[in-house]
Amino acid sequence: MRYTKAALLIFGVGLVLAMIVVAAEIKPMQRIASTAMAFGIAAIPVGMAVDWRLAIRAPRSATRRRDKAPTRRNVPSTRRPPRKPIRSNR
């Protein structure tokens, strides 16, 4: 999403610049704002394609490591105390 975000940022800057140009009525800046917006809109699909391409390649080139086997702990079991013999009252 790196390149797509950059394209959206360029478009956003052009849009904000266009709002300022229209509000302040600055004629020479109109062409710059329009160009920034047009370039940003044109760059969005290109950025999406590049980001998609990079996302597809990343899992293939990543090496898989085997995780270490979890260490087992020998937890002592809690033992009951020995039973006392039952005495019969005869």
N, C-alpha and C. Protein backbone atom coordinates (compact mmCIF):
# COMPACT_ATOMS: atom_id res chain seq x y z
N MET A 1 0.82 -1.19 0.00
CA MET A 1 0.00 0.00 0.00
C MET A 1 0.87 1.27 0.00
N ARG A 2 2.13 1.08 -0.10
CA ARG A 2 3.05 2.22 -0.05
C ARG A 2 2.85 3.18 -1.21
N TYR A 3 2.79 2.65 -2.41
CA TYR A 3 2.67 3.51 -3.59
C TYR A 3 1.26 4.05 -3.77
N THR A 4 0.28 3.27 -3.38
CA THR A 4 -1.10 3.74 -3.45
C THR A 4 -1.32 4.91 -2.50
N LYS A 5 -0.75 4.80 -1.31
CA LYS A 5 -0.87 5.90 -0.34
C LYS A 5 -0.19 7.17 -0.86
N ALA A 6 0.94 7.00 -1.51
CA ALA A 6 1.63 8.16 -2.07
C ALA A 6 0.79 8.83 -3.16
N ALA A 7 0.15 8.02 -4.00
CA ALA A 7 -0.71 8.58 -5.06
C ALA A 7 -1.90 9.31 -4.45
N LEU A 8 -2.50 8.74 -3.42
CA LEU A 8 -3.62 9.40 -2.76
C LEU A 8 -3.18 10.68 -2.07
N LEU A 9 -1.98 10.68 -1.53
CA LEU A 9 -1.46 11.88 -0.89
C LEU A 9 -1.26 13.00 -1.92
N ILE A 10 -0.73 12.66 -3.07
CA ILE A 10 -0.54 13.66 -4.13
C ILE A 10 -1.89 14.23 -4.58
N PHE A 11 -2.86 13.33 -4.75
CA PHE A 11 -4.19 13.80 -5.13
C PHE A 11 -4.78 14.71 -4.05
N GLY A 12 -4.61 14.33 -2.80
CA GLY A 12 -5.13 15.15 -1.69
C GLY A 12 -4.47 16.51 -1.61
N VAL A 13 -3.18 16.56 -1.84
CA VAL A 13 -2.48 17.85 -1.84
C VAL A 13 -2.99 18.73 -2.98
N GLY A 14 -3.20 18.13 -4.14
CA GLY A 14 -3.74 18.89 -5.27
C GLY A 14 -5.15 19.39 -4.99
N LEU A 15 -5.95 18.58 -4.31
CA LEU A 15 -7.32 18.97 -3.98
C LEU A 15 -7.34 20.13 -2.99
N VAL A 16 -6.51 20.04 -1.95
CA VAL A 16 -6.44 21.13 -0.97
C VAL A 16 -5.91 22.40 -1.63
N LEU A 17 -4.90 22.25 -2.46
CA LEU A 17 -4.35 23.41 -3.19
C LEU A 17 -5.42 24.03 -4.09
N ALA A 18 -6.23 23.20 -4.73
CA ALA A 18 -7.29 23.71 -5.60
C ALA A 18 -8.32 24.49 -4.79
N MET A 19 -8.66 24.01 -3.61
CA MET A 19 -9.61 24.74 -2.76
C MET A 19 -9.06 26.10 -2.35
N ILE A 20 -7.78 26.12 -2.03
CA ILE A 20 -7.15 27.39 -1.64
C ILE A 20 -7.11 28.33 -2.84
N VAL A 21 -6.78 27.81 -4.00
CA VAL A 21 -6.69 28.64 -5.21
C VAL A 21 -8.06 29.22 -5.56
N VAL A 22 -9.10 28.42 -5.45
CA VAL A 22 -10.44 28.90 -5.78
C VAL A 22 -10.90 29.93 -4.76
N ALA A 23 -10.64 29.65 -3.48
CA ALA A 23 -11.08 30.58 -2.43
C ALA A 23 -10.34 31.91 -2.51
N ALA A 24 -9.05 31.87 -2.78
CA ALA A 24 -8.24 33.09 -2.83
C ALA A 24 -8.18 33.70 -4.23
N GLU A 25 -8.73 32.99 -5.20
CA GLU A 25 -8.74 33.44 -6.59
C GLU A 25 -7.34 33.74 -7.12
N ILE A 26 -6.47 32.76 -7.01
CA ILE A 26 -5.10 32.87 -7.49
C ILE A 26 -5.04 32.17 -8.85
N LYS A 27 -5.07 32.93 -9.91
CA LYS A 27 -5.11 32.37 -11.27
C LYS A 27 -3.86 31.56 -11.65
N PRO A 28 -2.65 32.04 -11.36
CA PRO A 28 -1.47 31.28 -11.81
C PRO A 28 -1.33 29.89 -11.15
N MET A 29 -1.93 29.69 -10.00
CA MET A 29 -1.80 28.42 -9.29
C MET A 29 -2.83 27.39 -9.74
N GLN A 30 -3.79 27.78 -10.55
CA GLN A 30 -4.84 26.85 -10.97
C GLN A 30 -4.28 25.69 -11.77
N ARG A 31 -3.35 25.96 -12.64
CA ARG A 31 -2.76 24.91 -13.48
C ARG A 31 -1.98 23.91 -12.62
N ILE A 32 -1.27 24.39 -11.61
CA ILE A 32 -0.49 23.51 -10.73
C ILE A 32 -1.41 22.59 -9.93
N ALA A 33 -2.48 23.16 -9.37
CA ALA A 33 -3.42 22.35 -8.60
C ALA A 33 -4.10 21.31 -9.48
N SER A 34 -4.48 21.70 -10.67
CA SER A 34 -5.12 20.77 -11.59
C SER A 34 -4.18 19.64 -11.99
N THR A 35 -2.93 19.98 -12.23
CA THR A 35 -1.94 18.97 -12.60
C THR A 35 -1.69 17.99 -11.47
N ALA A 36 -1.62 18.49 -10.24
CA ALA A 36 -1.39 17.61 -9.09
C ALA A 36 -2.55 16.64 -8.92
N MET A 37 -3.78 17.13 -9.05
CA MET A 37 -4.93 16.23 -8.94
C MET A 37 -4.96 15.20 -10.06
N ALA A 38 -4.69 15.63 -11.27
CA ALA A 38 -4.70 14.71 -12.41
C ALA A 38 -3.61 13.65 -12.28
N PHE A 39 -2.42 14.07 -11.85
CA PHE A 39 -1.33 13.12 -11.66
C PHE A 39 -1.66 12.13 -10.55
N GLY A 40 -2.27 12.62 -9.47
CA GLY A 40 -2.65 11.74 -8.37
C GLY A 40 -3.67 10.71 -8.78
N ILE A 41 -4.69 11.13 -9.53
CA ILE A 41 -5.72 10.18 -9.99
C ILE A 41 -5.13 9.17 -10.96
N ALA A 42 -4.25 9.60 -11.83
CA ALA A 42 -3.63 8.68 -12.79
C ALA A 42 -2.67 7.72 -12.09
N ALA A 43 -2.07 8.15 -10.99
CA ALA A 43 -1.09 7.31 -10.30
C ALA A 43 -1.74 6.27 -9.38
N ILE A 44 -3.01 6.44 -9.05
CA ILE A 44 -3.65 5.48 -8.14
C ILE A 44 -3.68 4.06 -8.71
N PRO A 45 -4.16 3.83 -9.93
CA PRO A 45 -4.14 2.45 -10.45
C PRO A 45 -2.73 1.90 -10.64
N VAL A 46 -1.80 2.76 -10.99
CA VAL A 46 -0.42 2.31 -11.14
C VAL A 46 0.14 1.88 -9.78
N GLY A 47 -0.12 2.69 -8.77
CA GLY A 47 0.34 2.36 -7.43
C GLY A 47 -0.30 1.08 -6.91
N MET A 48 -1.58 0.88 -7.21
CA MET A 48 -2.24 -0.35 -6.79
C MET A 48 -1.63 -1.57 -7.46
N ALA A 49 -1.31 -1.44 -8.74
CA ALA A 49 -0.69 -2.55 -9.46
C ALA A 49 0.69 -2.88 -8.90
N VAL A 50 1.46 -1.85 -8.61
CA VAL A 50 2.81 -2.08 -8.06
C VAL A 50 2.72 -2.69 -6.66
N ASP A 51 1.82 -2.18 -5.83
CA ASP A 51 1.65 -2.73 -4.48
C ASP A 51 1.19 -4.19 -4.54
N TRP A 52 0.28 -4.48 -5.47
CA TRP A 52 -0.20 -5.85 -5.62
C TRP A 52 0.94 -6.77 -6.04
N ARG A 53 1.73 -6.29 -6.97
CA ARG A 53 2.86 -7.09 -7.47
C ARG A 53 3.87 -7.38 -6.35
N LEU A 54 4.14 -6.36 -5.53
CA LEU A 54 5.07 -6.55 -4.42
C LEU A 54 4.49 -7.48 -3.36
N ALA A 55 3.19 -7.42 -3.16
CA ALA A 55 2.56 -8.28 -2.17
C ALA A 55 2.57 -9.74 -2.62
N ILE A 56 2.47 -9.98 -3.92
CA ILE A 56 2.48 -11.34 -4.44
C ILE A 56 3.88 -11.94 -4.34
N ARG A 57 4.88 -11.16 -4.58
CA ARG A 57 6.26 -11.66 -4.54
C ARG A 57 6.77 -11.90 -3.14
N ALA A 58 6.31 -11.18 -2.17
CA ALA A 58 6.86 -11.24 -0.82
C ALA A 58 6.79 -12.64 -0.20
N PRO A 59 5.66 -13.35 -0.24
CA PRO A 59 5.65 -14.67 0.40
C PRO A 59 6.55 -15.69 -0.27
N ARG A 60 6.75 -15.60 -1.56
CA ARG A 60 7.60 -16.57 -2.25
C ARG A 60 9.06 -16.43 -1.86
N SER A 61 9.53 -15.20 -1.72
CA SER A 61 10.94 -15.00 -1.45
C SER A 61 11.29 -15.15 0.03
N ALA A 62 10.30 -15.13 0.86
CA ALA A 62 10.57 -15.24 2.29
C ALA A 62 10.96 -16.68 2.61
N THR A 63 12.02 -16.83 3.37
CA THR A 63 12.45 -18.17 3.75
C THR A 63 11.67 -18.60 4.99
N ARG A 64 11.32 -19.84 4.99
CA ARG A 64 10.58 -20.36 6.15
C ARG A 64 11.57 -20.91 7.15
N ARG A 65 11.39 -20.51 8.35
CA ARG A 65 12.23 -21.04 9.43
C ARG A 65 11.38 -21.98 10.25
N ARG A 66 12.01 -23.01 10.69
CA ARG A 66 11.31 -23.90 11.59
C ARG A 66 11.39 -23.32 12.99
N ASP A 67 10.26 -23.24 13.59
CA ASP A 67 10.23 -22.76 14.96
C ASP A 67 10.78 -23.84 15.88
N LYS A 68 11.34 -23.38 16.96
CA LYS A 68 11.85 -24.33 17.94
C LYS A 68 10.68 -25.06 18.58
N ALA A 69 10.90 -26.31 18.85
CA ALA A 69 9.86 -27.08 19.51
C ALA A 69 9.67 -26.52 20.92
N PRO A 70 8.44 -26.42 21.36
CA PRO A 70 8.22 -25.87 22.69
C PRO A 70 8.84 -26.77 23.75
N THR A 71 9.51 -26.17 24.68
CA THR A 71 10.15 -26.95 25.74
C THR A 71 9.09 -27.45 26.70
N ARG A 72 9.22 -28.70 27.06
CA ARG A 72 8.25 -29.29 27.98
C ARG A 72 8.77 -29.16 29.39
N ARG A 73 7.86 -28.81 30.24
CA ARG A 73 8.21 -28.74 31.66
C ARG A 73 7.64 -29.96 32.35
N ASN A 74 8.43 -30.52 33.20
CA ASN A 74 7.93 -31.62 34.00
C ASN A 74 7.31 -31.03 35.26
N VAL A 75 6.03 -30.90 35.21
CA VAL A 75 5.32 -30.31 36.34
C VAL A 75 5.02 -31.43 37.33
N PRO A 76 5.51 -31.28 38.55
CA PRO A 76 5.24 -32.34 39.52
C PRO A 76 3.74 -32.38 39.83
N SER A 77 3.22 -33.58 39.79
CA SER A 77 1.80 -33.70 40.08
C SER A 77 1.60 -33.62 41.59
N THR A 78 0.50 -33.04 41.98
CA THR A 78 0.21 -32.94 43.41
C THR A 78 -0.34 -34.27 43.88
N ARG A 79 0.30 -34.82 44.86
CA ARG A 79 -0.11 -36.13 45.37
C ARG A 79 -0.90 -35.96 46.65
N ARG A 80 -1.83 -36.83 46.80
CA ARG A 80 -2.58 -36.86 48.04
C ARG A 80 -1.75 -37.56 49.10
N PRO A 81 -1.97 -37.14 50.32
CA PRO A 81 -1.26 -37.87 51.38
C PRO A 81 -1.80 -39.30 51.47
N PRO A 82 -0.99 -40.23 51.89
CA PRO A 82 -1.46 -41.62 51.97
C PRO A 82 -2.65 -41.74 52.92
N ARG A 83 -3.56 -42.61 52.56
CA ARG A 83 -4.74 -42.81 53.40
C ARG A 83 -4.38 -43.63 54.64
N LYS A 84 -5.07 -43.25 55.67
CA LYS A 84 -4.90 -44.04 56.89
C LYS A 84 -5.82 -45.26 56.80
N PRO A 85 -5.37 -46.36 57.29
CA PRO A 85 -6.23 -47.55 57.24
C PRO A 85 -7.48 -47.32 58.10
N ILE A 86 -8.57 -47.83 57.61
CA ILE A 86 -9.83 -47.70 58.33
C ILE A 86 -9.87 -48.76 59.41
N ARG A 87 -10.13 -48.32 60.63
CA ARG A 87 -10.22 -49.27 61.75
C ARG A 87 -11.68 -49.62 61.98
N SER A 88 -11.89 -50.83 62.09
CA SER A 88 -13.26 -51.23 62.36
C SER A 88 -13.46 -51.38 63.86
N ASN A 89 -14.55 -50.95 64.34
CA ASN A 89 -14.83 -51.03 65.78
C ASN A 89 -15.67 -52.28 66.06
N ARG A 90 -15.09 -53.37 66.22
CA ARG A 90 -15.80 -54.59 66.50
C ARG A 90 -15.71 -54.95 67.92
